[in-house]
PDB file of all heavy atoms in Angstrom:
ATOM      1  N   ASP A   1      67.942   7.296  11.541  1.00  0.00           N
ATOM      2  CA  ASP A   1      67.228   7.886  12.678  1.00  0.00           C
ATOM      3  C   ASP A   1      67.751   9.311  13.013  1.00  0.00           C
ATOM      4  O   ASP A   1      67.232   9.958  13.907  1.00  0.00           O
ATOM      5  CB  ASP A   1      67.288   7.010  13.921  1.00  0.00           C
ATOM      6  CG  ASP A   1      68.692   6.716  14.393  1.00  0.00           C
ATOM      7  OD1 ASP A   1      69.657   7.085  13.666  1.00  0.00           O
ATOM      8  OD2 ASP A   1      68.844   6.166  15.489  1.00  0.00           O
ATOM      9  N   THR A   2      68.796   9.760  12.300  1.00  0.00           N
ATOM     10  CA  THR A   2      69.334  11.092  12.534  1.00  0.00           C
ATOM     11  C   THR A   2      68.932  12.107  11.479  1.00  0.00           C
ATOM     12  O   THR A   2      69.244  13.282  11.607  1.00  0.00           O
ATOM     13  CB  THR A   2      70.887  11.061  12.600  1.00  0.00           C
ATOM     14  OG1 THR A   2      71.385  10.727  11.285  1.00  0.00           O
ATOM     15  CG2 THR A   2      71.373  10.059  13.620  1.00  0.00           C
ATOM     16  N   ILE A   3      68.189  11.682  10.461  1.00  0.00           N
ATOM     17  CA  ILE A   3      67.839  12.544   9.342  1.00  0.00           C
ATOM     18  C   ILE A   3      66.697  13.455   9.762  1.00  0.00           C
ATOM     19  O   ILE A   3      65.613  13.000  10.157  1.00  0.00           O
ATOM     20  CB  ILE A   3      67.451  11.723   8.109  1.00  0.00           C
ATOM     21  CG1 ILE A   3      68.609  10.811   7.692  1.00  0.00           C
ATOM     22  CG2 ILE A   3      67.063  12.637   6.946  1.00  0.00           C
ATOM     23  CD1 ILE A   3      68.270   9.868   6.545  1.00  0.00           C
ATOM     24  N   PRO A   4      66.874  14.802   9.677  1.00  0.00           N
ATOM     25  CA  PRO A   4      65.802  15.745  10.070  1.00  0.00           C
ATOM     26  C   PRO A   4      64.812  16.016   8.920  1.00  0.00           C
ATOM     27  O   PRO A   4      65.073  15.684   7.737  1.00  0.00           O
ATOM     28  CB  PRO A   4      66.583  17.002  10.442  1.00  0.00           C
ATOM     29  CG  PRO A   4      67.719  16.975   9.492  1.00  0.00           C
ATOM     30  CD  PRO A   4      68.100  15.516   9.321  1.00  0.00           C
ATOM     31  N   THR A   5      63.703  16.634   9.267  1.00  0.00           N
ATOM     32  CA  THR A   5      62.731  17.043   8.286  1.00  0.00           C
ATOM     33  C   THR A   5      63.082  18.397   7.675  1.00  0.00           C
ATOM     34  O   THR A   5      63.601  19.269   8.364  1.00  0.00           O
ATOM     35  CB  THR A   5      61.342  17.111   8.952  1.00  0.00           C
ATOM     36  OG1 THR A   5      61.031  15.821   9.474  1.00  0.00           O
ATOM     37  CG2 THR A   5      60.258  17.482   7.919  1.00  0.00           C
ATOM     38  N   ILE A   6      62.800  18.578   6.422  1.00  0.00           N
ATOM     39  CA  ILE A   6      63.041  19.848   5.742  1.00  0.00           C
ATOM     40  C   ILE A   6      62.417  21.019   6.514  1.00  0.00           C
ATOM     41  O   ILE A   6      61.268  20.906   6.989  1.00  0.00           O
ATOM     42  CB  ILE A   6      62.542  19.812   4.273  1.00  0.00           C
ATOM     43  CG1 ILE A   6      62.958  21.066   3.507  1.00  0.00           C
ATOM     44  CG2 ILE A   6      61.007  19.623   4.256  1.00  0.00           C
ATOM     45  CD1 ILE A   6      64.406  21.083   3.145  1.00  0.00           C
ATOM     46  N   GLY A   7      63.160  22.104   6.646  1.00  0.00           N
ATOM     47  CA  GLY A   7      62.658  23.270   7.332  1.00  0.00           C
ATOM     48  C   GLY A   7      62.847  23.286   8.805  1.00  0.00           C
ATOM     49  O   GLY A   7      62.647  24.324   9.471  1.00  0.00           O
ATOM     50  N   SER A   8      63.237  22.152   9.359  1.00  0.00           N
ATOM     51  CA  SER A   8      63.463  22.109  10.818  1.00  0.00           C
ATOM     52  C   SER A   8      64.770  22.764  11.182  1.00  0.00           C
ATOM     53  O   SER A   8      65.649  22.971  10.308  1.00  0.00           O
ATOM     54  CB  SER A   8      63.447  20.657  11.319  1.00  0.00           C
ATOM     55  OG  SER A   8      64.521  19.882  10.772  1.00  0.00           O
ATOM     56  N   ARG A   9      65.016  23.013  12.476  1.00  0.00           N
ATOM     57  CA  ARG A   9      66.230  23.720  12.877  1.00  0.00           C
ATOM     58  C   ARG A   9      67.465  22.917  12.584  1.00  0.00           C
ATOM     59  O   ARG A   9      68.525  23.465  12.253  1.00  0.00           O
ATOM     60  CB  ARG A   9      66.167  24.043  14.361  1.00  0.00           C
ATOM     61  CG  ARG A   9      66.053  22.835  15.308  1.00  0.00           C
ATOM     62  CD  ARG A   9      66.115  23.173  16.739  1.00  0.00           C
ATOM     63  NE  ARG A   9      66.024  22.003  17.602  1.00  0.00           N
ATOM     64  CZ  ARG A   9      67.039  21.186  17.856  1.00  0.00           C
ATOM     65  NH1 ARG A   9      68.260  21.438  17.344  1.00  0.00           N
ATOM     66  NH2 ARG A   9      66.898  20.123  18.663  1.00  0.00           N
ATOM     67  N   ARG A  10      67.395  21.590  12.649  1.00  0.00           N
ATOM     68  CA  ARG A  10      68.556  20.727  12.366  1.00  0.00           C
ATOM     69  C   ARG A  10      68.843  20.675  10.861  1.00  0.00           C
ATOM     70  O   ARG A  10      69.923  20.152  10.473  1.00  0.00           O
ATOM     71  CB  ARG A  10      68.341  19.334  12.919  1.00  0.00           C
ATOM     72  CG  ARG A  10      68.284  19.258  14.448  1.00  0.00           C
ATOM     73  CD  ARG A  10      68.213  17.797  14.954  1.00  0.00           C
ATOM     74  NE  ARG A  10      69.368  17.044  14.462  1.00  0.00           N
ATOM     75  CZ  ARG A  10      69.263  15.939  13.738  1.00  0.00           C
ATOM     76  NH1 ARG A  10      68.081  15.483  13.402  1.00  0.00           N
ATOM     77  NH2 ARG A  10      70.395  15.306  13.371  1.00  0.00           N
ATOM     78  N   ALA A  11      67.959  21.183  10.056  1.00  0.00           N
ATOM     79  CA  ALA A  11      68.158  21.183   8.592  1.00  0.00           C
ATOM     80  C   ALA A  11      68.694  22.542   8.142  1.00  0.00           C
ATOM     81  O   ALA A  11      68.547  22.920   6.983  1.00  0.00           O
ATOM     82  CB  ALA A  11      66.897  20.818   7.850  1.00  0.00           C
ATOM     83  N   ARG A  12      69.336  23.265   9.050  1.00  0.00           N
ATOM     84  CA  ARG A  12      69.956  24.518   8.741  1.00  0.00           C
ATOM     85  C   ARG A  12      71.322  24.629   9.382  1.00  0.00           C
ATOM     86  O   ARG A  12      71.532  24.024  10.441  1.00  0.00           O
ATOM     87  CB  ARG A  12      69.102  25.696   9.213  1.00  0.00           C
ATOM     88  CG  ARG A  12      67.743  25.807   8.532  1.00  0.00           C
ATOM     89  CD  ARG A  12      66.980  27.024   9.003  1.00  0.00           C
ATOM     90  NE  ARG A  12      65.723  27.183   8.347  1.00  0.00           N
ATOM     91  CZ  ARG A  12      65.528  27.720   7.156  1.00  0.00           C
ATOM     92  NH1 ARG A  12      66.546  28.188   6.488  1.00  0.00           N
ATOM     93  NH2 ARG A  12      64.308  27.809   6.633  1.00  0.00           N
ATOM     94  N   PRO A  13      72.243  25.417   8.838  1.00  0.00           N
ATOM     95  CA  PRO A  13      73.539  25.580   9.491  1.00  0.00           C
ATOM     96  C   PRO A  13      73.406  26.472  10.710  1.00  0.00           C
ATOM     97  O   PRO A  13      72.512  27.268  10.790  1.00  0.00           O
ATOM     98  CB  PRO A  13      74.389  26.212   8.395  1.00  0.00           C
ATOM     99  CG  PRO A  13      73.411  26.991   7.573  1.00  0.00           C
ATOM    100  CD  PRO A  13      72.146  26.165   7.564  1.00  0.00           C
ATOM    101  N   GLY A  14      74.339  26.290  11.645  1.00  0.00           N
ATOM    102  CA  GLY A  14      74.380  27.139  12.841  1.00  0.00           C
ATOM    103  C   GLY A  14      73.743  26.548  14.046  1.00  0.00           C
ATOM    104  O   GLY A  14      74.137  26.938  15.187  1.00  0.00           O
ATOM    105  N   ASP A  15      72.845  25.588  13.941  1.00  0.00           N
ATOM    106  CA  ASP A  15      72.273  24.958  15.119  1.00  0.00           C
ATOM    107  C   ASP A  15      73.290  24.002  15.717  1.00  0.00           C
ATOM    108  O   ASP A  15      74.071  23.348  14.993  1.00  0.00           O
ATOM    109  CB  ASP A  15      70.999  24.171  14.700  1.00  0.00           C
ATOM    110  CG  ASP A  15      70.241  23.659  15.889  1.00  0.00           C
ATOM    111  OD1 ASP A  15      69.401  24.413  16.444  1.00  0.00           O
ATOM    112  OD2 ASP A  15      70.515  22.493  16.323  1.00  0.00           O
ATOM    113  N   LEU A  16      73.295  23.874  17.040  1.00  0.00           N
ATOM    114  CA  LEU A  16      74.259  23.023  17.696  1.00  0.00           C
ATOM    115  C   LEU A  16      74.089  21.571  17.305  1.00  0.00           C
ATOM    116  O   LEU A  16      75.045  20.799  17.305  1.00  0.00           O
ATOM    117  CB  LEU A  16      74.086  23.149  19.223  1.00  0.00           C
ATOM    118  CG  LEU A  16      74.583  24.465  19.865  1.00  0.00           C
ATOM    119  CD1 LEU A  16      74.252  24.485  21.335  1.00  0.00           C
ATOM    120  CD2 LEU A  16      76.069  24.644  19.620  1.00  0.00           C
ATOM    121  N   ASP A  17      72.912  21.181  16.880  1.00  0.00           N
ATOM    122  CA  ASP A  17      72.639  19.822  16.460  1.00  0.00           C
ATOM    123  C   ASP A  17      72.339  19.715  14.974  1.00  0.00           C
ATOM    124  O   ASP A  17      71.678  18.757  14.533  1.00  0.00           O
ATOM    125  CB  ASP A  17      71.450  19.266  17.276  1.00  0.00           C
ATOM    126  CG  ASP A  17      71.368  17.750  17.279  1.00  0.00           C
ATOM    127  OD1 ASP A  17      72.431  17.128  17.112  1.00  0.00           O
ATOM    128  OD2 ASP A  17      70.264  17.197  17.426  1.00  0.00           O
ATOM    129  N   SER A  18      72.846  20.673  14.190  1.00  0.00           N
ATOM    130  CA  SER A  18      72.593  20.660  12.745  1.00  0.00           C
ATOM    131  C   SER A  18      73.264  19.457  12.066  1.00  0.00           C
ATOM    132  O   SER A  18      74.301  18.978  12.523  1.00  0.00           O
ATOM    133  CB  SER A  18      73.118  21.954  12.110  1.00  0.00           C
ATOM    134  OG  SER A  18      72.960  21.926  10.712  1.00  0.00           O
ATOM    135  N   ILE A  19      72.683  19.013  10.966  1.00  0.00           N
ATOM    136  CA  ILE A  19      73.281  17.897  10.221  1.00  0.00           C
ATOM    137  C   ILE A  19      74.358  18.423   9.267  1.00  0.00           C
ATOM    138  O   ILE A  19      75.071  17.598   8.655  1.00  0.00           O
ATOM    139  CB  ILE A  19      72.204  17.182   9.380  1.00  0.00           C
ATOM    140  CG1 ILE A  19      71.504  18.137   8.402  1.00  0.00           C
ATOM    141  CG2 ILE A  19      71.233  16.450  10.289  1.00  0.00           C
ATOM    142  CD1 ILE A  19      70.766  17.442   7.283  1.00  0.00           C
ATOM    143  N   VAL A  20      74.508  19.714   9.101  1.00  0.00           N
ATOM    144  CA  VAL A  20      75.513  20.269   8.224  1.00  0.00           C
ATOM    145  C   VAL A  20      76.474  21.133   8.985  1.00  0.00           C
ATOM    146  O   VAL A  20      76.230  21.594  10.090  1.00  0.00           O
ATOM    147  CB  VAL A  20      74.862  21.088   7.066  1.00  0.00           C
ATOM    148  CG1 VAL A  20      74.037  20.229   6.149  1.00  0.00           C
ATOM    149  CG2 VAL A  20      74.052  22.267   7.612  1.00  0.00           C
ATOM    150  N   THR A  21      77.637  21.370   8.378  1.00  0.00           N
ATOM    151  CA  THR A  21      78.678  22.194   8.985  1.00  0.00           C
ATOM    152  C   THR A  21      78.239  23.656   9.074  1.00  0.00           C
ATOM    153  O   THR A  21      77.354  24.086   8.326  1.00  0.00           O
ATOM    154  CB  THR A  21      79.964  22.118   8.185  1.00  0.00           C
ATOM    155  OG1 THR A  21      79.677  22.501   6.826  1.00  0.00           O
ATOM    156  CG2 THR A  21      80.530  20.681   8.182  1.00  0.00           C
ATOM    157  N   ASP A  22      78.901  24.399   9.912  1.00  0.00           N
ATOM    158  CA  ASP A  22      78.545  25.797  10.092  1.00  0.00           C
ATOM    159  C   ASP A  22      78.730  26.637   8.837  1.00  0.00           C
ATOM    160  O   ASP A  22      78.115  27.681   8.695  1.00  0.00           O
ATOM    161  CB  ASP A  22      79.338  26.441  11.247  1.00  0.00           C
ATOM    162  CG  ASP A  22      78.860  25.979  12.613  1.00  0.00           C
ATOM    163  OD1 ASP A  22      77.736  25.412  12.709  1.00  0.00           O
ATOM    164  OD2 ASP A  22      79.602  26.196  13.616  1.00  0.00           O
ATOM    165  N   TRP A  23      79.649  26.239   7.964  1.00  0.00           N
ATOM    166  CA  TRP A  23      79.935  27.016   6.771  1.00  0.00           C
ATOM    167  C   TRP A  23      79.067  26.590   5.597  1.00  0.00           C
ATOM    168  O   TRP A  23      79.167  27.219   4.506  1.00  0.00           O
ATOM    169  CB  TRP A  23      81.398  26.865   6.401  1.00  0.00           C
ATOM    170  CG  TRP A  23      81.903  25.455   6.356  1.00  0.00           C
ATOM    171  CD1 TRP A  23      81.753  24.565   5.363  1.00  0.00           C
ATOM    172  CD2 TRP A  23      82.670  24.791   7.391  1.00  0.00           C
ATOM    173  NE1 TRP A  23      82.329  23.355   5.705  1.00  0.00           N
ATOM    174  CE2 TRP A  23      82.934  23.500   6.940  1.00  0.00           C
ATOM    175  CE3 TRP A  23      83.164  25.199   8.646  1.00  0.00           C
ATOM    176  CZ2 TRP A  23      83.663  22.558   7.682  1.00  0.00           C
ATOM    177  CZ3 TRP A  23      83.869  24.268   9.386  1.00  0.00           C
ATOM    178  CH2 TRP A  23      84.107  22.962   8.914  1.00  0.00           C
ATOM    179  N   SER A  24      78.212  25.599   5.732  1.00  0.00           N
ATOM    180  CA  SER A  24      77.292  25.234   4.675  1.00  0.00           C
ATOM    181  C   SER A  24      76.306  26.359   4.393  1.00  0.00           C
ATOM    182  O   SER A  24      75.886  27.061   5.315  1.00  0.00           O
ATOM    183  CB  SER A  24      76.548  23.956   5.027  1.00  0.00           C
ATOM    184  OG  SER A  24      77.433  22.834   5.104  1.00  0.00           O
ATOM    185  N   VAL A  25      75.926  26.517   3.147  1.00  0.00           N
ATOM    186  CA  VAL A  25      74.988  27.555   2.804  1.00  0.00           C
ATOM    187  C   VAL A  25      73.576  27.243   3.326  1.00  0.00           C
ATOM    188  O   VAL A  25      73.155  26.082   3.315  1.00  0.00           O
ATOM    189  CB  VAL A  25      74.943  27.793   1.266  1.00  0.00           C
ATOM    190  CG1 VAL A  25      74.414  26.540   0.551  1.00  0.00           C
ATOM    191  CG2 VAL A  25      74.142  28.992   0.876  1.00  0.00           C
ATOM    192  N   ASP A  26      72.904  28.255   3.845  1.00  0.00           N
ATOM    193  CA  ASP A  26      71.541  28.081   4.288  1.00  0.00           C
ATOM    194  C   ASP A  26      70.631  27.905   3.054  1.00  0.00           C
ATOM    195  O   ASP A  26      70.798  28.648   2.075  1.00  0.00           O
ATOM    196  CB  ASP A  26      71.080  29.302   5.103  1.00  0.00           C
ATOM    197  CG  ASP A  26      69.666  29.204   5.612  1.00  0.00           C
ATOM    198  OD1 ASP A  26      68.721  29.578   4.870  1.00  0.00           O
ATOM    199  OD2 ASP A  26      69.473  28.653   6.719  1.00  0.00           O
ATOM    200  N   PRO A  27      69.692  26.975   3.066  1.00  0.00           N
ATOM    201  CA  PRO A  27      68.819  26.748   1.885  1.00  0.00           C
ATOM    202  C   PRO A  27      68.106  28.010   1.397  1.00  0.00           C
ATOM    203  O   PRO A  27      68.047  28.250   0.180  1.00  0.00           O
ATOM    204  CB  PRO A  27      67.858  25.688   2.357  1.00  0.00           C
ATOM    205  CG  PRO A  27      68.544  24.976   3.460  1.00  0.00           C
ATOM    206  CD  PRO A  27      69.377  25.993   4.137  1.00  0.00           C
ATOM    207  N   ASP A  28      67.570  28.798   2.318  1.00  0.00           N
ATOM    208  CA  ASP A  28      66.865  30.004   1.928  1.00  0.00           C
ATOM    209  C   ASP A  28      67.818  31.046   1.350  1.00  0.00           C
ATOM    210  O   ASP A  28      67.512  31.752   0.389  1.00  0.00           O
ATOM    211  CB  ASP A  28      66.081  30.596   3.101  1.00  0.00           C
ATOM    212  CG  ASP A  28      64.898  29.739   3.488  1.00  0.00           C
ATOM    213  OD1 ASP A  28      64.403  28.978   2.649  1.00  0.00           O
ATOM    214  OD2 ASP A  28      64.464  29.806   4.670  1.00  0.00           O
ATOM    215  N   ASP A  29      69.006  31.147   1.979  1.00  0.00           N
ATOM    216  CA  ASP A  29      70.014  32.089   1.452  1.00  0.00           C
ATOM    217  C   ASP A  29      70.452  31.659   0.049  1.00  0.00           C
ATOM    218  O   ASP A  29      70.754  32.514  -0.805  1.00  0.00           O
ATOM    219  CB  ASP A  29      71.232  32.097   2.363  1.00  0.00           C
ATOM    220  CG  ASP A  29      70.987  32.902   3.643  1.00  0.00           C
ATOM    221  OD1 ASP A  29      70.008  33.624   3.715  1.00  0.00           O
ATOM    222  OD2 ASP A  29      71.816  32.748   4.601  1.00  0.00           O
ATOM    223  N   TRP A  30      70.521  30.350  -0.223  1.00  0.00           N
ATOM    224  CA  TRP A  30      70.859  29.877  -1.556  1.00  0.00           C
ATOM    225  C   TRP A  30      69.834  30.360  -2.591  1.00  0.00           C
ATOM    226  O   TRP A  30      70.198  30.842  -3.685  1.00  0.00           O
ATOM    227  CB  TRP A  30      70.966  28.367  -1.556  1.00  0.00           C
ATOM    228  CG  TRP A  30      71.185  27.695  -2.906  1.00  0.00           C
ATOM    229  CD1 TRP A  30      70.409  26.783  -3.530  1.00  0.00           C
ATOM    230  CD2 TRP A  30      72.296  27.910  -3.788  1.00  0.00           C
ATOM    231  NE1 TRP A  30      70.918  26.397  -4.728  1.00  0.00           N
ATOM    232  CE2 TRP A  30      72.095  27.078  -4.917  1.00  0.00           C
ATOM    233  CE3 TRP A  30      73.424  28.751  -3.749  1.00  0.00           C
ATOM    234  CZ2 TRP A  30      72.993  27.007  -5.971  1.00  0.00           C
ATOM    235  CZ3 TRP A  30      74.309  28.712  -4.820  1.00  0.00           C
ATOM    236  CH2 TRP A  30      74.100  27.859  -5.920  1.00  0.00           C
ATOM    237  N   GLY A  31      68.597  30.281  -2.233  1.00  0.00           N
ATOM    238  CA  GLY A  31      67.515  30.775  -3.142  1.00  0.00           C
ATOM    239  C   GLY A  31      67.642  32.251  -3.394  1.00  0.00           C
ATOM    240  O   GLY A  31      67.558  32.743  -4.523  1.00  0.00           O
ATOM    241  N   ARG A  32      67.860  33.025  -2.340  1.00  0.00           N
ATOM    242  CA  ARG A  32      68.006  34.476  -2.461  1.00  0.00           C
ATOM    243  C   ARG A  32      69.236  34.852  -3.276  1.00  0.00           C
ATOM    244  O   ARG A  32      69.224  35.803  -4.062  1.00  0.00           O
ATOM    245  CB  ARG A  32      68.039  35.114  -1.047  1.00  0.00           C
ATOM    246  CG  ARG A  32      66.674  35.152  -0.381  1.00  0.00           C
ATOM    247  CD  ARG A  32      66.716  35.986   0.890  1.00  0.00           C
ATOM    248  NE  ARG A  32      67.343  35.256   1.980  1.00  0.00           N
ATOM    249  CZ  ARG A  32      66.678  34.537   2.891  1.00  0.00           C
ATOM    250  NH1 ARG A  32      65.357  34.433   2.814  1.00  0.00           N
ATOM    251  NH2 ARG A  32      67.306  33.905   3.860  1.00  0.00           N
ATOM    252  N   PHE A  33      70.332  34.108  -3.075  1.00  0.00           N
ATOM    253  CA  PHE A  33      71.534  34.346  -3.849  1.00  0.00           C
ATOM    254  C   PHE A  33      71.281  34.119  -5.345  1.00  0.00           C
ATOM    255  O   PHE A  33      71.668  34.942  -6.183  1.00  0.00           O
ATOM    256  CB  PHE A  33      72.660  33.399  -3.361  1.00  0.00           C
ATOM    257  CG  PHE A  33      73.966  33.557  -4.078  1.00  0.00           C
ATOM    258  CD1 PHE A  33      74.956  34.387  -3.580  1.00  0.00           C
ATOM    259  CD2 PHE A  33      74.230  32.870  -5.244  1.00  0.00           C
ATOM    260  CE1 PHE A  33      76.150  34.552  -4.205  1.00  0.00           C
ATOM    261  CE2 PHE A  33      75.440  33.003  -5.916  1.00  0.00           C
ATOM    262  CZ  PHE A  33      76.408  33.856  -5.388  1.00  0.00           C
ATOM    263  N   LEU A  34      70.629  33.016  -5.683  1.00  0.00           N
ATOM    264  CA  LEU A  34      70.353  32.753  -7.093  1.00  0.00           C
ATOM    265  C   LEU A  34      69.426  33.802  -7.709  1.00  0.00           C
ATOM    266  O   LEU A  34      69.634  34.227  -8.843  1.00  0.00           O
ATOM    267  CB  LEU A  34      69.722  31.356  -7.238  1.00  0.00           C
ATOM    268  CG  LEU A  34      70.654  30.163  -6.941  1.00  0.00           C
ATOM    269  CD1 LEU A  34      69.862  28.862  -7.033  1.00  0.00           C
ATOM    270  CD2 LEU A  34      71.823  30.130  -7.917  1.00  0.00           C
ATOM    271  N   ILE A  35      68.424  34.192  -6.990  1.00  0.00           N
ATOM    272  CA  ILE A  35      67.450  35.184  -7.499  1.00  0.00           C
ATOM    273  C   ILE A  35      68.155  36.498  -7.786  1.00  0.00           C
ATOM    274  O   ILE A  35      68.017  37.116  -8.825  1.00  0.00           O
ATOM    275  CB  ILE A  35      66.307  35.380  -6.510  1.00  0.00           C
ATOM    276  CG1 ILE A  35      65.407  34.141  -6.481  1.00  0.00           C
ATOM    277  CG2 ILE A  35      65.468  36.621  -6.876  1.00  0.00           C
ATOM    278  CD1 ILE A  35      64.377  34.124  -5.350  1.00  0.00           C
ATOM    279  N   ALA A  36      68.971  36.975  -6.812  1.00  0.00           N
ATOM    280  CA  ALA A  36      69.639  38.281  -6.980  1.00  0.00           C
ATOM    281  C   ALA A  36      70.639  38.235  -8.116  1.00  0.00           C
ATOM    282  O   ALA A  36      70.697  39.170  -8.945  1.00  0.00           O
ATOM    283  CB  ALA A  36      70.345  38.645  -5.656  1.00  0.00           C
ATOM    284  N   THR A  37      71.435  37.181  -8.220  1.00  0.00           N
ATOM    285  CA  THR A  37      72.455  37.103  -9.278  1.00  0.00           C
ATOM    286  C   THR A  37      71.794  36.873 -10.643  1.00  0.00           C
ATOM    287  O   THR A  37      72.275  37.385 -11.666  1.00  0.00           O
ATOM    288  CB  THR A  37      73.492  36.022  -8.999  1.00  0.00           C
ATOM    289  OG1 THR A  37      72.820  34.777  -8.711  1.00  0.00           O
ATOM    290  CG2 THR A  37      74.323  36.378  -7.772  1.00  0.00           C
TER     291      THR A  37
END
């Protein structure tokens, strides 16, 4: 009952109620990192 939907605020780092730690990579940033490198 705590699992969020993809793209929601809780499925990103930085939110007070996020499911991941603050240092976890943001999913969109991961994509941009891979594309650039």
